[in-house]
Amino acid sequence: MSGEPSNPAQHEIPPKYEWFQEQIAGHHPSVVKNGVREIGFLKEKGSEFILKLRQSGKRGDCEIRFYQLLNRTFSDDYDPLEDNGEPFPCDSITNQEEINLARFIADGGVPRFYGLKQVPIGGQDHEFLILDDLTFGYTRPAIMDIKMGRVTYDPDASEKKIKSETEKYPPQRSLGFRILGYRVGFGKDQLHKEDGTVEIKDRDWGKSKDETNIGQALYEFFQCRPEAVPHILRKATLFREWFAQQRIFHFFASSLLFIFETDPAQPVNPDVRMIDFGHVYPANEMVDENYTHGLDNLISLFEEMLLKSQ
C-alpha cells in the first residue's frame, strides 16, 4: 500500500454509500496500484446488503452465473437442462439429486444473491453484485477469511499465474488453506482491551503462519469467545459432509468466512459461509479433494482446540 491515486475523484462514492468497514480480503480502497485506488466492497448506509464489485472477464461472469444457478434451484419448475446463454464452467447441475445438494449449500451455506446494481464512482458506472451483509446485526463482529484448497489456481490458469500462486504461500500445499486475515472488535476489559478496539491481521501475517503455528493463529482469533468454536466446528463438519456427497462443483480460490459476536452481552451467534466464486468448475463426477484436504485439516485443528479447552 503506497502513494495516493493519480485521480483522487476515482474513489469518491455517492453520499448514500460507504466503504464496507468489515472487509478482510479482496480489492480494498486503501490499496493503490499503478496510481489507481482499488474499489472495495460498498454498503448503502443502514442496509442489510453489501455491494461486491463485479470481477472482470470470465471470473465475474462465472461468479454471477454460480449465484444465479443456486437461486434457480429454489424454483419448483427449475429445469436443469435450460440454457440461459453461453455455458460457463459452473453451469453443471443435471438431475434432482444435484438440485437438492445445490439447495443445501444455497440455504445458509453462501451469502444470498439479490442481483446486480450500477453505482457511479468517479464519473464512471461500475457494476456490483448485491449480497447479504453477513455481519449485519452484530454489535462487534469477529471475521476471518480463509482461502481454501491446496491449489488456488484454476484449470485454465496461465503458467505465470500457476507460478505466482505456487510461490505465494508454500505451506498451502500441505495445509490446504491459508489465512487471509481477520478483524476482531473488543469491548472494555475483554482480554485487557479498551472499548472499541479493533485488532486487524492482514495477509502478510497469515503468510507468516505455517504447519508449526497455524493452530495458534486460529486460537488467537477465537480467544475472546472460545464458546464459538463448537458451533463453528459443527457447521464446518456439515460442509465436509456436503463435499463428500457433491460431484457438481470444484472450487478454486474460494474462501470460508468465519464470523462470531465478540460483545459478551450478546449471543455469540457463530457462522461460517463459503464466499468468492470466480473460479468454479464442473466436478466431472469427482470429489473436490483439493478443497476437502484443507477442510479436513481445519476441522482437526478445531477439534484440537476443543480438547485443549476441556
Protein backbone atom coordinates (compact mmCIF):
# COMPACT_ATOMS: atom_id res chain seq x y z
CA MET A 1 0.00 0.00 0.00
CA SER A 2 1.72 3.18 -1.10
CA GLY A 3 1.13 6.57 -2.60
CA GLU A 4 -2.06 8.41 -3.48
CA PRO A 5 -4.18 7.79 -6.55
CA SER A 6 -3.36 9.85 -9.61
CA ASN A 7 -7.05 10.67 -9.88
CA PRO A 8 -8.47 11.17 -6.35
CA ALA A 9 -12.03 11.50 -7.71
CA GLN A 10 -11.85 7.92 -8.93
CA HIS A 11 -12.54 6.56 -5.45
CA GLU A 12 -15.20 9.10 -4.44
CA ILE A 13 -18.57 7.41 -3.89
CA PRO A 14 -22.15 8.75 -3.79
CA PRO A 15 -23.15 10.18 -0.37
CA LYS A 16 -25.64 7.41 0.43
CA TYR A 17 -22.87 4.78 0.24
CA GLU A 18 -19.91 3.96 2.45
CA TRP A 19 -16.98 1.60 2.19
CA PHE A 20 -17.74 -1.68 3.94
CA GLN A 21 -15.69 -1.47 7.13
CA GLU A 22 -15.60 -5.20 7.86
CA GLN A 23 -13.87 -6.20 4.61
CA ILE A 24 -10.94 -8.59 5.13
CA ALA A 25 -9.57 -9.54 1.72
CA GLY A 26 -10.10 -8.82 -1.96
CA HIS A 27 -9.76 -5.42 -3.62
CA HIS A 28 -9.62 -2.75 -0.94
CA PRO A 29 -9.96 1.05 -1.20
CA SER A 30 -6.83 1.50 0.92
CA VAL A 31 -4.73 -0.11 -1.82
CA VAL A 32 -3.30 1.93 -4.71
CA LYS A 33 -1.94 0.10 -7.75
CA ASN A 34 -0.36 1.92 -10.67
CA GLY A 35 -1.64 5.21 -9.29
CA VAL A 36 -5.24 3.95 -9.13
CA ARG A 37 -7.10 3.26 -5.91
CA GLU A 38 -8.90 -0.07 -5.80
CA ILE A 39 -12.67 -0.27 -5.41
CA GLY A 40 -13.65 -2.36 -2.40
CA PHE A 41 -16.98 -3.53 -1.05
CA LEU A 42 -19.65 -0.85 -0.78
CA LYS A 43 -22.62 -0.63 1.54
CA GLU A 44 -25.69 1.55 1.27
CA LYS A 45 -25.84 3.15 4.71
CA GLY A 46 -28.13 1.25 7.04
CA SER A 47 -28.88 -1.58 4.62
CA GLU A 48 -28.63 -5.34 5.18
CA PHE A 49 -26.63 -5.81 1.98
CA ILE A 50 -23.14 -5.24 0.65
CA LEU A 51 -22.11 -4.50 -2.91
CA LYS A 52 -19.22 -6.51 -4.36
CA LEU A 53 -17.58 -5.16 -7.49
CA ARG A 54 -18.12 -7.47 -10.44
CA GLN A 55 -14.82 -9.09 -11.35
CA SER A 56 -13.57 -8.57 -14.86
CA GLY A 57 -14.00 -11.05 -17.67
CA LYS A 58 -14.71 -14.73 -17.17
CA ARG A 59 -14.31 -14.57 -13.38
CA GLY A 60 -17.12 -12.08 -12.97
CA ASP A 61 -19.37 -13.94 -15.38
CA CYS A 62 -18.78 -17.25 -13.61
CA GLU A 63 -19.46 -15.84 -10.13
CA ILE A 64 -22.75 -14.30 -11.24
CA ARG A 65 -23.82 -17.46 -13.06
CA PHE A 66 -22.97 -19.54 -9.99
CA TYR A 67 -25.15 -17.40 -7.72
CA GLN A 68 -27.95 -17.37 -10.30
CA LEU A 69 -27.73 -21.14 -10.58
CA LEU A 70 -28.09 -21.55 -6.82
CA ASN A 71 -31.05 -19.17 -6.75
CA ARG A 72 -32.79 -21.03 -9.57
CA THR A 73 -32.67 -24.32 -7.66
CA PHE A 74 -35.29 -22.94 -5.25
CA SER A 75 -37.81 -22.72 -8.10
CA ASP A 76 -40.24 -25.66 -8.30
CA ASP A 77 -40.18 -25.53 -12.10
CA TYR A 78 -36.37 -25.34 -12.37
CA ASP A 79 -35.18 -27.14 -15.49
CA PRO A 80 -31.55 -28.29 -15.18
CA LEU A 81 -31.31 -28.57 -18.96
CA GLU A 82 -32.47 -25.00 -19.57
CA ASP A 83 -29.85 -22.94 -21.40
CA ASN A 84 -29.89 -19.27 -20.42
CA GLY A 85 -26.93 -18.22 -22.52
CA GLU A 86 -23.40 -19.31 -23.22
CA PRO A 87 -22.44 -22.09 -20.79
CA PHE A 88 -19.86 -21.44 -18.09
CA PRO A 89 -17.91 -24.00 -16.06
CA CYS A 90 -20.22 -23.51 -13.07
CA ASP A 91 -23.35 -24.49 -15.10
CA SER A 92 -23.26 -28.17 -14.24
CA ILE A 93 -26.46 -29.27 -12.44
CA THR A 94 -28.13 -32.11 -14.34
CA ASN A 95 -30.54 -34.01 -12.05
CA GLN A 96 -32.80 -33.75 -8.98
CA GLU A 97 -30.19 -35.10 -6.58
CA GLU A 98 -27.79 -32.36 -7.65
CA ILE A 99 -30.56 -29.77 -7.35
CA ASN A 100 -31.13 -30.85 -3.75
CA LEU A 101 -27.40 -30.67 -2.99
CA ALA A 102 -27.20 -27.20 -4.53
CA ARG A 103 -30.21 -26.08 -2.47
CA PHE A 104 -28.45 -27.23 0.69
CA ILE A 105 -25.42 -25.04 0.09
CA ALA A 106 -27.57 -22.15 -1.18
CA ASP A 107 -29.67 -22.21 2.01
CA GLY A 108 -27.27 -20.89 4.65
CA GLY A 109 -24.01 -22.02 3.08
CA VAL A 110 -23.32 -18.93 0.98
CA PRO A 111 -24.48 -15.28 1.08
CA ARG A 112 -27.77 -14.80 -0.75
CA PHE A 113 -27.52 -13.02 -4.09
CA TYR A 114 -30.09 -10.34 -4.99
CA GLY A 115 -29.00 -9.27 -8.44
CA LEU A 116 -26.78 -6.53 -9.87
CA LYS A 117 -26.58 -2.78 -9.36
CA GLN A 118 -24.82 0.07 -11.13
CA VAL A 119 -23.07 2.63 -8.90
CA PRO A 120 -21.29 5.74 -10.25
CA ILE A 121 -17.78 6.13 -8.85
CA GLY A 122 -15.52 8.90 -10.08
CA GLY A 123 -17.78 9.68 -13.02
CA GLN A 124 -17.93 6.10 -14.25
CA ASP A 125 -20.60 3.44 -13.65
CA HIS A 126 -19.45 0.22 -12.05
CA GLU A 127 -21.46 -2.97 -11.72
CA PHE A 128 -21.80 -4.64 -8.33
CA LEU A 129 -23.27 -7.87 -7.02
CA ILE A 130 -25.86 -7.33 -4.26
CA LEU A 131 -25.15 -9.82 -1.46
CA ASP A 132 -26.12 -10.36 2.16
CA ASP A 133 -24.05 -8.39 4.65
CA LEU A 134 -23.14 -11.36 6.82
CA THR A 135 -22.11 -9.03 9.67
CA PHE A 136 -25.48 -7.23 9.79
CA GLY A 137 -26.97 -7.36 13.29
CA TYR A 138 -23.65 -7.96 15.06
CA THR A 139 -22.52 -5.37 17.61
CA ARG A 140 -18.81 -6.15 17.35
CA PRO A 141 -18.23 -8.90 14.79
CA ALA A 142 -15.11 -11.01 14.59
CA ILE A 143 -14.41 -12.02 10.98
CA MET A 144 -11.76 -14.28 9.50
CA ASP A 145 -11.22 -15.10 5.81
CA ILE A 146 -9.52 -18.40 4.95
CA LYS A 147 -8.74 -19.25 1.33
CA MET A 148 -9.32 -22.95 0.73
CA GLY A 149 -7.52 -25.52 -1.38
CA ARG A 150 -4.05 -26.97 -1.78
CA VAL A 151 -4.09 -25.39 -5.25
CA THR A 152 -5.63 -21.93 -5.70
CA TYR A 153 -5.21 -21.59 -9.46
CA ASP A 154 -7.92 -22.99 -11.72
CA PRO A 155 -7.51 -25.48 -14.63
CA ASP A 156 -7.31 -22.64 -17.17
CA ALA A 157 -4.58 -20.72 -15.34
CA SER A 158 -1.55 -19.46 -17.27
CA GLU A 159 1.97 -20.60 -16.41
CA LYS A 160 2.60 -17.18 -14.90
CA LYS A 161 -0.47 -17.49 -12.64
CA ILE A 162 0.46 -21.01 -11.59
CA LYS A 163 3.97 -19.89 -10.66
CA SER A 164 2.66 -16.87 -8.76
CA GLU A 165 0.10 -18.87 -6.75
CA THR A 166 2.51 -21.72 -6.03
CA GLU A 167 5.19 -19.37 -4.67
CA LYS A 168 2.79 -17.16 -2.73
CA TYR A 169 2.44 -19.46 0.28
CA PRO A 170 4.24 -22.83 0.06
CA PRO A 171 2.60 -24.28 3.23
CA GLN A 172 -0.72 -24.22 1.37
CA ARG A 173 0.27 -27.44 -0.42
CA SER A 174 0.27 -29.33 2.88
CA LEU A 175 -2.29 -27.35 4.91
CA GLY A 176 -4.82 -26.96 2.12
CA PHE A 177 -5.69 -23.42 3.21
CA ARG A 178 -4.22 -20.07 4.16
CA ILE A 179 -5.48 -17.31 6.44
CA LEU A 180 -6.03 -14.07 4.53
CA GLY A 181 -6.57 -12.09 7.71
CA TYR A 182 -9.04 -11.25 10.43
CA ARG A 183 -10.74 -8.40 12.29
CA VAL A 184 -11.79 -8.70 15.93
CA GLY A 185 -13.67 -5.99 17.79
CA PHE A 186 -13.11 -5.85 21.55
CA GLY A 187 -15.07 -4.36 24.43
CA LYS A 188 -13.69 -2.88 27.63
CA ASP A 189 -11.67 -5.39 29.68
CA GLN A 190 -12.02 -8.12 27.05
CA LEU A 191 -8.54 -9.63 27.08
CA HIS A 192 -7.39 -6.34 28.64
CA LYS A 193 -8.56 -4.36 25.63
CA GLU A 194 -10.21 -0.95 25.70
CA ASP A 195 -13.76 -0.48 24.48
CA GLY A 196 -13.96 -0.10 20.72
CA THR A 197 -10.53 -1.58 19.97
CA VAL A 198 -10.34 -3.44 16.67
CA GLU A 199 -7.46 -5.84 16.13
CA ILE A 200 -6.61 -6.43 12.47
CA LYS A 201 -4.32 -9.08 11.00
CA ASP A 202 -3.56 -8.94 7.29
CA ARG A 203 -2.48 -11.43 4.64
CA ASP A 204 1.21 -10.92 5.44
CA TRP A 205 0.50 -12.04 9.00
CA GLY A 206 -1.33 -15.04 7.56
CA LYS A 207 1.63 -15.92 5.34
CA SER A 208 3.89 -15.92 8.41
CA LYS A 209 1.98 -18.92 9.78
CA ASP A 210 2.83 -22.46 8.76
CA GLU A 211 2.32 -26.05 9.89
CA THR A 212 4.08 -25.32 13.20
CA ASN A 213 1.93 -22.41 14.38
CA ILE A 214 -1.28 -22.30 12.35
CA GLY A 215 -3.23 -23.74 15.28
CA GLN A 216 -2.07 -20.88 17.50
CA ALA A 217 -3.16 -18.41 14.84
CA LEU A 218 -6.69 -19.85 14.88
CA TYR A 219 -6.69 -19.81 18.68
CA GLU A 220 -5.82 -16.10 18.66
CA PHE A 221 -8.92 -15.40 16.60
CA PHE A 222 -11.28 -17.27 18.92
CA GLN A 223 -9.66 -16.48 22.26
CA CYS A 224 -12.07 -13.71 23.29
CA ARG A 225 -15.09 -16.07 22.91
CA PRO A 226 -13.95 -19.69 22.78
CA GLU A 227 -17.57 -20.82 23.15
CA ALA A 228 -17.92 -20.07 19.43
CA VAL A 229 -15.64 -22.98 18.50
CA PRO A 230 -18.09 -25.91 18.99
CA HIS A 231 -20.67 -24.18 16.78
CA ILE A 232 -18.06 -23.34 14.14
CA LEU A 233 -16.86 -26.95 14.21
CA ARG A 234 -20.41 -28.22 13.78
CA LYS A 235 -21.01 -26.12 10.68
CA ALA A 236 -17.60 -26.92 9.22
CA THR A 237 -18.47 -30.60 9.64
CA LEU A 238 -21.74 -30.05 7.74
CA PHE A 239 -19.72 -28.53 4.90
CA ARG A 240 -17.45 -31.57 4.95
CA GLU A 241 -20.42 -33.91 4.73
CA TRP A 242 -21.76 -31.90 1.79
CA PHE A 243 -18.44 -32.06 -0.03
CA ALA A 244 -18.34 -35.83 0.49
CA GLN A 245 -21.62 -36.15 -1.45
CA GLN A 246 -21.45 -33.49 -4.14
CA ARG A 247 -19.91 -34.19 -7.53
CA ILE A 248 -21.18 -30.97 -9.13
CA PHE A 249 -18.59 -28.28 -8.47
CA HIS A 250 -14.87 -27.89 -7.90
CA PHE A 251 -13.97 -24.62 -6.18
CA PHE A 252 -10.68 -22.83 -6.75
CA ALA A 253 -9.55 -19.69 -4.88
CA SER A 254 -12.76 -19.75 -2.85
CA SER A 255 -12.84 -18.85 0.84
CA LEU A 256 -14.57 -19.72 4.07
CA LEU A 257 -15.68 -16.71 6.09
CA PHE A 258 -15.91 -17.22 9.87
CA ILE A 259 -17.98 -14.81 11.97
CA PHE A 260 -18.99 -14.52 15.61
CA GLU A 261 -20.08 -11.82 18.07
CA THR A 262 -17.39 -10.57 20.44
CA ASP A 263 -19.71 -8.48 22.64
CA PRO A 264 -20.13 -10.66 25.76
CA ALA A 265 -23.53 -9.07 26.41
CA GLN A 266 -24.80 -10.56 23.11
CA PRO A 267 -25.25 -14.16 21.94
CA VAL A 268 -22.09 -15.46 20.27
CA ASN A 269 -24.03 -16.17 17.02
CA PRO A 270 -21.23 -18.03 15.18
CA ASP A 271 -21.45 -18.61 11.43
CA VAL A 272 -19.41 -19.99 8.52
CA ARG A 273 -20.10 -19.25 4.84
CA MET A 274 -18.45 -20.03 1.55
CA ILE A 275 -17.58 -16.92 -0.47
CA ASP A 276 -15.81 -15.94 -3.72
CA PHE A 277 -16.90 -17.94 -6.75
CA GLY A 278 -14.96 -16.61 -9.71
CA HIS A 279 -13.31 -19.99 -10.30
CA VAL A 280 -15.98 -22.70 -10.08
CA TYR A 281 -15.56 -25.68 -12.43
CA PRO A 282 -17.51 -28.86 -13.14
CA ALA A 283 -16.58 -31.76 -10.88
CA ASN A 284 -16.89 -34.41 -13.63
CA GLU A 285 -18.18 -36.90 -11.04
CA MET A 286 -15.10 -36.40 -8.86
CA VAL A 287 -14.88 -35.34 -5.21
CA ASP A 288 -13.26 -31.92 -4.75
CA GLU A 289 -10.22 -33.32 -2.92
CA ASN A 290 -8.35 -30.07 -3.40
CA TYR A 291 -10.86 -28.28 -1.16
CA THR A 292 -11.63 -31.12 1.26
CA HIS A 293 -7.96 -31.61 2.15
CA GLY A 294 -7.93 -28.15 3.72
CA LEU A 295 -11.35 -28.59 5.26
CA ASP A 296 -10.23 -31.82 6.95
CA ASN A 297 -7.18 -30.05 8.38
CA LEU A 298 -9.27 -27.13 9.65
CA ILE A 299 -11.72 -29.48 11.34
CA SER A 300 -8.83 -31.32 13.02
CA LEU A 301 -7.44 -28.03 14.32
CA PHE A 302 -10.85 -27.00 15.71
CA GLU A 303 -11.15 -30.41 17.40
CA GLU A 304 -7.71 -29.96 18.98
CA MET A 305 -8.76 -26.52 20.20
CA LEU A 306 -11.83 -28.01 21.89
CA LEU A 307 -9.81 -30.76 23.58
CA LYS A 308 -7.35 -28.25 25.00
CA SER A 309 -10.19 -26.14 26.39
CA GLN A 310 -11.73 -29.07 28.32
